[in-house]
Amino acid sequence: MNPGVVLFHTTTAALRAEKTAQKAGLKVKLIPTPRELSSDCGIALRFDLADRQPLEQALSAAGVEGEFHELKAG
């Protein structure tokens, strides 16, 4: 799995994103925001980069705004 994360401004947005992604059948997990990435919220949504486009579409349709990042290995 090539992981990516979505950062949010609020915990509420992160929780809504997780629920939205799961309803869309995408495998995601809430994680602490990686240190190398700054965020207003302490949790982020981890996803497989192969699912980026359907995840972006699902979040957009639900009105959930997030900032997508690719996690670097190592």
PDB file of N, CA and C in Angstrom:
ATOM      1  N   MET A   1       0.840  -1.193   0.000  1.00  0.00           N
ATOM      2  CA  MET A   1       0.000   0.000   0.000  1.00  0.00           C
ATOM      3  C   MET A   1       0.873   1.240   0.000  1.00  0.00           C
ATOM      4  N   ASN A   2       0.573   2.145  -0.907  1.00  0.00           N
ATOM      5  CA  ASN A   2       1.206   3.462  -0.909  1.00  0.00           C
ATOM      6  C   ASN A   2       0.276   4.387  -0.151  1.00  0.00           C
ATOM      7  N   PRO A   3       0.666   4.788   1.059  1.00  0.00           N
ATOM      8  CA  PRO A   3      -0.265   5.565   1.867  1.00  0.00           C
ATOM      9  C   PRO A   3      -0.264   7.055   1.547  1.00  0.00           C
ATOM     10  N   GLY A   4      -1.433   7.620   1.721  1.00  0.00           N
ATOM     11  CA  GLY A   4      -1.608   9.056   1.665  1.00  0.00           C
ATOM     12  C   GLY A   4      -2.398   9.452   2.895  1.00  0.00           C
ATOM     13  N   VAL A   5      -2.431  10.733   3.187  1.00  0.00           N
ATOM     14  CA  VAL A   5      -3.230  11.224   4.304  1.00  0.00           C
ATOM     15  C   VAL A   5      -3.988  12.472   3.864  1.00  0.00           C
ATOM     16  N   VAL A   6      -5.113  12.669   4.519  1.00  0.00           N
ATOM     17  CA  VAL A   6      -5.885  13.884   4.322  1.00  0.00           C
ATOM     18  C   VAL A   6      -5.870  14.612   5.655  1.00  0.00           C
ATOM     19  N   LEU A   7      -5.497  15.902   5.617  1.00  0.00           N
ATOM     20  CA  LEU A   7      -5.496  16.741   6.815  1.00  0.00           C
ATOM     21  C   LEU A   7      -6.758  17.588   6.839  1.00  0.00           C
ATOM     22  N   PHE A   8      -7.210  17.889   8.046  1.00  0.00           N
ATOM     23  CA  PHE A   8      -8.448  18.651   8.221  1.00  0.00           C
ATOM     24  C   PHE A   8      -8.229  19.793   9.195  1.00  0.00           C
ATOM     25  N   HIS A   9      -9.114  20.785   9.146  1.00  0.00           N
ATOM     26  CA  HIS A   9      -9.042  21.916  10.064  1.00  0.00           C
ATOM     27  C   HIS A   9      -9.709  21.611  11.395  1.00  0.00           C
ATOM     28  N   THR A  10     -10.630  20.635  11.390  1.00  0.00           N
ATOM     29  CA  THR A  10     -11.341  20.303  12.622  1.00  0.00           C
ATOM     30  C   THR A  10     -11.471  18.793  12.780  1.00  0.00           C
ATOM     31  N   THR A  11     -11.621  18.376  14.019  1.00  0.00           N
ATOM     32  CA  THR A  11     -11.845  16.958  14.300  1.00  0.00           C
ATOM     33  C   THR A  11     -13.177  16.514  13.706  1.00  0.00           C
ATOM     34  N   THR A  12     -14.168  17.387  13.747  1.00  0.00           N
ATOM     35  CA  THR A  12     -15.478  17.057  13.184  1.00  0.00           C
ATOM     36  C   THR A  12     -15.366  16.715  11.703  1.00  0.00           C
ATOM     37  N   ALA A  13     -14.572  17.484  10.963  1.00  0.00           N
ATOM     38  CA  ALA A  13     -14.379  17.217   9.541  1.00  0.00           C
ATOM     39  C   ALA A  13     -13.688  15.873   9.327  1.00  0.00           C
ATOM     40  N   ALA A  14     -12.724  15.557  10.172  1.00  0.00           N
ATOM     41  CA  ALA A  14     -12.020  14.272  10.061  1.00  0.00           C
ATOM     42  C   ALA A  14     -12.984  13.110  10.291  1.00  0.00           C
ATOM     43  N   LEU A  15     -13.833  13.231  11.289  1.00  0.00           N
ATOM     44  CA  LEU A  15     -14.800  12.172  11.586  1.00  0.00           C
ATOM     45  C   LEU A  15     -15.833  12.032  10.465  1.00  0.00           C
ATOM     46  N   ARG A  16     -16.283  13.153   9.918  1.00  0.00           N
ATOM     47  CA  ARG A  16     -17.227  13.102   8.792  1.00  0.00           C
ATOM     48  C   ARG A  16     -16.572  12.463   7.567  1.00  0.00           C
ATOM     49  N   ALA A  17     -15.299  12.765   7.349  1.00  0.00           N
ATOM     50  CA  ALA A  17     -14.581  12.200   6.211  1.00  0.00           C
ATOM     51  C   ALA A  17     -14.454  10.690   6.354  1.00  0.00           C
ATOM     52  N   GLU A  18     -14.147  10.227   7.565  1.00  0.00           N
ATOM     53  CA  GLU A  18     -14.024   8.781   7.788  1.00  0.00           C
ATOM     54  C   GLU A  18     -15.354   8.089   7.481  1.00  0.00           C
ATOM     55  N   LYS A  19     -16.443   8.629   7.999  1.00  0.00           N
ATOM     56  CA  LYS A  19     -17.765   8.046   7.779  1.00  0.00           C
ATOM     57  C   LYS A  19     -18.129   8.048   6.294  1.00  0.00           C
ATOM     58  N   THR A  20     -17.850   9.161   5.628  1.00  0.00           N
ATOM     59  CA  THR A  20     -18.151   9.294   4.200  1.00  0.00           C
ATOM     60  C   THR A  20     -17.361   8.279   3.380  1.00  0.00           C
ATOM     61  N   ALA A  21     -16.075   8.142   3.674  1.00  0.00           N
ATOM     62  CA  ALA A  21     -15.227   7.207   2.937  1.00  0.00           C
ATOM     63  C   ALA A  21     -15.678   5.765   3.152  1.00  0.00           C
ATOM     64  N   GLN A  22     -16.025   5.425   4.378  1.00  0.00           N
ATOM     65  CA  GLN A  22     -16.478   4.064   4.671  1.00  0.00           C
ATOM     66  C   GLN A  22     -17.789   3.762   3.956  1.00  0.00           C
ATOM     67  N   LYS A  23     -18.699   4.731   3.901  1.00  0.00           N
ATOM     68  CA  LYS A  23     -19.964   4.540   3.168  1.00  0.00           C
ATOM     69  C   LYS A  23     -19.701   4.310   1.688  1.00  0.00           C
ATOM     70  N   ALA A  24     -18.626   4.916   1.168  1.00  0.00           N
ATOM     71  CA  ALA A  24     -18.260   4.761  -0.240  1.00  0.00           C
ATOM     72  C   ALA A  24     -17.493   3.467  -0.487  1.00  0.00           C
ATOM     73  N   GLY A  25     -17.276   2.683   0.570  1.00  0.00           N
ATOM     74  CA  GLY A  25     -16.583   1.408   0.429  1.00  0.00           C
ATOM     75  C   GLY A  25     -15.066   1.516   0.371  1.00  0.00           C
ATOM     76  N   LEU A  26     -14.513   2.638   0.824  1.00  0.00           N
ATOM     77  CA  LEU A  26     -13.065   2.835   0.796  1.00  0.00           C
ATOM     78  C   LEU A  26     -12.461   2.464   2.145  1.00  0.00           C
ATOM     79  N   LYS A  27     -11.283   1.884   2.094  1.00  0.00           N
ATOM     80  CA  LYS A  27     -10.583   1.491   3.321  1.00  0.00           C
ATOM     81  C   LYS A  27      -9.743   2.673   3.801  1.00  0.00           C
ATOM     82  N   VAL A  28     -10.116   3.209   4.947  1.00  0.00           N
ATOM     83  CA  VAL A  28      -9.418   4.364   5.524  1.00  0.00           C
ATOM     84  C   VAL A  28      -9.247   4.135   7.013  1.00  0.00           C
ATOM     85  N   LYS A  29      -8.380   4.950   7.627  1.00  0.00           N
ATOM     86  CA  LYS A  29      -8.162   4.850   9.067  1.00  0.00           C
ATOM     87  C   LYS A  29      -7.771   6.220   9.607  1.00  0.00           C
ATOM     88  N   LEU A  30      -8.357   6.600  10.727  1.00  0.00           N
ATOM     89  CA  LEU A  30      -7.947   7.837  11.388  1.00  0.00           C
ATOM     90  C   LEU A  30      -6.644   7.575  12.136  1.00  0.00           C
ATOM     91  N   ILE A  31      -5.690   8.480  11.977  1.00  0.00           N
ATOM     92  CA  ILE A  31      -4.369   8.356  12.604  1.00  0.00           C
ATOM     93  C   ILE A  31      -3.966   9.719  13.162  1.00  0.00           C
ATOM     94  N   PRO A  32      -2.985   9.747  14.086  1.00  0.00           N
ATOM     95  CA  PRO A  32      -2.446  11.047  14.506  1.00  0.00           C
ATOM     96  C   PRO A  32      -1.799  11.735  13.297  1.00  0.00           C
ATOM     97  N   THR A  33      -1.950  13.033  13.210  1.00  0.00           N
ATOM     98  CA  THR A  33      -1.344  13.763  12.093  1.00  0.00           C
ATOM     99  C   THR A  33       0.174  13.579  12.125  1.00  0.00           C
ATOM    100  N   PRO A  34       0.773  13.133  11.007  1.00  0.00           N
ATOM    101  CA  PRO A  34       2.232  12.953  10.971  1.00  0.00           C
ATOM    102  C   PRO A  34       2.965  14.254  11.314  1.00  0.00           C
ATOM    103  N   ARG A  35       4.045  14.148  12.051  1.00  0.00           N
ATOM    104  CA  ARG A  35       4.791  15.321  12.514  1.00  0.00           C
ATOM    105  C   ARG A  35       5.299  16.195  11.388  1.00  0.00           C
ATOM    106  N   GLU A  36       5.657  15.575  10.261  1.00  0.00           N
ATOM    107  CA  GLU A  36       6.225  16.364   9.166  1.00  0.00           C
ATOM    108  C   GLU A  36       5.173  17.207   8.441  1.00  0.00           C
ATOM    109  N   LEU A  37       3.912  16.970   8.753  1.00  0.00           N
ATOM    110  CA  LEU A  37       2.832  17.738   8.145  1.00  0.00           C
ATOM    111  C   LEU A  37       2.166  18.591   9.214  1.00  0.00           C
ATOM    112  N   SER A  38       1.905  19.828   8.894  1.00  0.00           N
ATOM    113  CA  SER A  38       1.233  20.677   9.883  1.00  0.00           C
ATOM    114  C   SER A  38      -0.267  20.634   9.636  1.00  0.00           C
ATOM    115  N   SER A  39      -1.025  20.786  10.705  1.00  0.00           N
ATOM    116  CA  SER A  39      -2.470  20.747  10.595  1.00  0.00           C
ATOM    117  C   SER A  39      -3.079  21.455  11.794  1.00  0.00           C
ATOM    118  N   ASP A  40      -4.283  21.958  11.616  1.00  0.00           N
ATOM    119  CA  ASP A  40      -4.998  22.550  12.740  1.00  0.00           C
ATOM    120  C   ASP A  40      -5.604  21.463  13.617  1.00  0.00           C
ATOM    121  N   CYS A  41      -5.747  20.295  13.053  1.00  0.00           N
ATOM    122  CA  CYS A  41      -6.402  19.186  13.740  1.00  0.00           C
ATOM    123  C   CYS A  41      -5.363  18.107  14.021  1.00  0.00           C
ATOM    124  N   GLY A  42      -5.474  17.433  15.133  1.00  0.00           N
ATOM    125  CA  GLY A  42      -4.484  16.431  15.524  1.00  0.00           C
ATOM    126  C   GLY A  42      -4.682  15.061  14.919  1.00  0.00           C
ATOM    127  N   ILE A  43      -5.773  14.879  14.133  1.00  0.00           N
ATOM    128  CA  ILE A  43      -5.964  13.586  13.489  1.00  0.00           C
ATOM    129  C   ILE A  43      -6.078  13.761  11.983  1.00  0.00           C
ATOM    130  N   ALA A  44      -5.659  12.743  11.272  1.00  0.00           N
ATOM    131  CA  ALA A  44      -5.684  12.740   9.813  1.00  0.00           C
ATOM    132  C   ALA A  44      -6.306  11.428   9.353  1.00  0.00           C
ATOM    133  N   LEU A  45      -6.686  11.385   8.097  1.00  0.00           N
ATOM    134  CA  LEU A  45      -7.293  10.190   7.519  1.00  0.00           C
ATOM    135  C   LEU A  45      -6.295   9.538   6.581  1.00  0.00           C
ATOM    136  N   ARG A  46      -5.878   8.302   6.903  1.00  0.00           N
ATOM    137  CA  ARG A  46      -4.934   7.569   6.043  1.00  0.00           C
ATOM    138  C   ARG A  46      -5.726   6.778   5.015  1.00  0.00           C
ATOM    139  N   PHE A  47      -5.205   6.742   3.793  1.00  0.00           N
ATOM    140  CA  PHE A  47      -5.859   6.021   2.707  1.00  0.00           C
ATOM    141  C   PHE A  47      -4.798   5.487   1.751  1.00  0.00           C
ATOM    142  N   ASP A  48      -5.201   4.575   0.882  1.00  0.00           N
ATOM    143  CA  ASP A  48      -4.305   4.054  -0.151  1.00  0.00           C
ATOM    144  C   ASP A  48      -4.348   5.029  -1.322  1.00  0.00           C
ATOM    145  N   LEU A  49      -3.180   5.416  -1.822  1.00  0.00           N
ATOM    146  CA  LEU A  49      -3.127   6.389  -2.924  1.00  0.00           C
ATOM    147  C   LEU A  49      -3.914   5.932  -4.142  1.00  0.00           C
ATOM    148  N   ALA A  50      -4.071   4.638  -4.326  1.00  0.00           N
ATOM    149  CA  ALA A  50      -4.855   4.126  -5.452  1.00  0.00           C
ATOM    150  C   ALA A  50      -6.319   4.559  -5.340  1.00  0.00           C
ATOM    151  N   ASP A  51      -6.760   4.896  -4.126  1.00  0.00           N
ATOM    152  CA  ASP A  51      -8.142   5.317  -3.891  1.00  0.00           C
ATOM    153  C   ASP A  51      -8.301   6.837  -3.831  1.00  0.00           C
ATOM    154  N   ARG A  52      -7.269   7.579  -4.219  1.00  0.00           N
ATOM    155  CA  ARG A  52      -7.325   9.039  -4.057  1.00  0.00           C
ATOM    156  C   ARG A  52      -8.495   9.667  -4.820  1.00  0.00           C
ATOM    157  N   GLN A  53      -8.657   9.326  -6.081  1.00  0.00           N
ATOM    158  CA  GLN A  53      -9.708   9.967  -6.874  1.00  0.00           C
ATOM    159  C   GLN A  53     -11.101   9.669  -6.322  1.00  0.00           C
ATOM    160  N   PRO A  54     -11.457   8.402  -6.056  1.00  0.00           N
ATOM    161  CA  PRO A  54     -12.794   8.175  -5.486  1.00  0.00           C
ATOM    162  C   PRO A  54     -12.967   8.799  -4.102  1.00  0.00           C
ATOM    163  N   LEU A  55     -11.886   8.882  -3.319  1.00  0.00           N
ATOM    164  CA  LEU A  55     -11.977   9.517  -2.005  1.00  0.00           C
ATOM    165  C   LEU A  55     -12.218  11.016  -2.158  1.00  0.00           C
ATOM    166  N   GLU A  56     -11.484  11.652  -3.067  1.00  0.00           N
ATOM    167  CA  GLU A  56     -11.692  13.088  -3.310  1.00  0.00           C
ATOM    168  C   GLU A  56     -13.129  13.358  -3.760  1.00  0.00           C
ATOM    169  N   GLN A  57     -13.642  12.499  -4.635  1.00  0.00           N
ATOM    170  CA  GLN A  57     -15.007  12.678  -5.137  1.00  0.00           C
ATOM    171  C   GLN A  57     -16.027  12.506  -4.012  1.00  0.00           C
ATOM    172  N   ALA A  58     -15.841  11.489  -3.170  1.00  0.00           N
ATOM    173  CA  ALA A  58     -16.779  11.233  -2.072  1.00  0.00           C
ATOM    174  C   ALA A  58     -16.772  12.390  -1.077  1.00  0.00           C
ATOM    175  N   LEU A  59     -15.581  12.880  -0.723  1.00  0.00           N
ATOM    176  CA  LEU A  59     -15.498  13.986   0.234  1.00  0.00           C
ATOM    177  C   LEU A  59     -16.080  15.262  -0.358  1.00  0.00           C
ATOM    178  N   SER A  60     -15.804  15.522  -1.617  1.00  0.00           N
ATOM    179  CA  SER A  60     -16.338  16.711  -2.279  1.00  0.00           C
ATOM    180  C   SER A  60     -17.865  16.665  -2.314  1.00  0.00           C
ATOM    181  N   ALA A  61     -18.421  15.515  -2.666  1.00  0.00           N
ATOM    182  CA  ALA A  61     -19.878  15.367  -2.725  1.00  0.00           C
ATOM    183  C   ALA A  61     -20.518  15.570  -1.359  1.00  0.00           C
ATOM    184  N   ALA A  62     -19.794  15.219  -0.292  1.00  0.00           N
ATOM    185  CA  ALA A  62     -20.312  15.363   1.072  1.00  0.00           C
ATOM    186  C   ALA A  62     -20.002  16.743   1.660  1.00  0.00           C
ATOM    187  N   GLY A  63     -19.268  17.574   0.915  1.00  0.00           N
ATOM    188  CA  GLY A  63     -18.938  18.912   1.392  1.00  0.00           C
ATOM    189  C   GLY A  63     -17.863  18.925   2.466  1.00  0.00           C
ATOM    190  N   VAL A  64     -17.005  17.905   2.473  1.00  0.00           N
ATOM    191  CA  VAL A  64     -15.922  17.822   3.461  1.00  0.00           C
ATOM    192  C   VAL A  64     -14.624  18.275   2.787  1.00  0.00           C
ATOM    193  N   GLU A  65     -14.009  19.317   3.332  1.00  0.00           N
ATOM    194  CA  GLU A  65     -12.763  19.831   2.766  1.00  0.00           C
ATOM    195  C   GLU A  65     -11.570  19.246   3.497  1.00  0.00           C
ATOM    196  N   GLY A  66     -10.569  18.815   2.726  1.00  0.00           N
ATOM    197  CA  GLY A  66      -9.344  18.282   3.305  1.00  0.00           C
ATOM    198  C   GLY A  66      -8.173  18.557   2.387  1.00  0.00           C
ATOM    199  N   GLU A  67      -7.000  18.417   2.946  1.00  0.00           N
ATOM    200  CA  GLU A  67      -5.753  18.654   2.219  1.00  0.00           C
ATOM    201  C   GLU A  67      -5.036  17.311   2.035  1.00  0.00           C
ATOM    202  N   PHE A  68      -4.907  16.878   0.775  1.00  0.00           N
ATOM    203  CA  PHE A  68      -4.333  15.565   0.469  1.00  0.00           C
ATOM    204  C   PHE A  68      -2.799  15.634   0.410  1.00  0.00           C
ATOM    205  N   HIS A  69      -2.169  14.606   0.975  1.00  0.00           N
ATOM    206  CA  HIS A  69      -0.699  14.483   0.965  1.00  0.00           C
ATOM    207  C   HIS A  69      -0.308  13.038   0.735  1.00  0.00           C
ATOM    208  N   GLU A  70       0.823  12.846   0.059  1.00  0.00           N
ATOM    209  CA  GLU A  70       1.407  11.525  -0.079  1.00  0.00           C
ATOM    210  C   GLU A  70       2.429  11.356   1.027  1.00  0.00           C
ATOM    211  N   LEU A  71       2.393  10.213   1.716  1.00  0.00           N
ATOM    212  CA  LEU A  71       3.381   9.959   2.765  1.00  0.00           C
ATOM    213  C   LEU A  71       4.646   9.412   2.142  1.00  0.00           C
ATOM    214  N   LYS A  72       5.763   9.952   2.562  1.00  0.00           N
ATOM    215  CA  LYS A  72       7.063   9.491   2.073  1.00  0.00           C
ATOM    216  C   LYS A  72       7.506   8.273   2.867  1.00  0.00           C
ATOM    217  N   ALA A  73       8.112   7.313   2.170  1.00  0.00           N
ATOM    218  CA  ALA A  73       8.616   6.112   2.837  1.00  0.00           C
ATOM    219  C   ALA A  73       9.824   6.467   3.680  1.00  0.00           C
ATOM    220  N   GLY A  74       9.964   5.747   4.796  1.00  0.00           N
ATOM    221  CA  GLY A  74      11.134   5.906   5.631  1.00  0.00           C
ATOM    222  C   GLY A  74      10.913   6.902   6.672  1.00  0.00           C
TER     223      GLY A  74
END
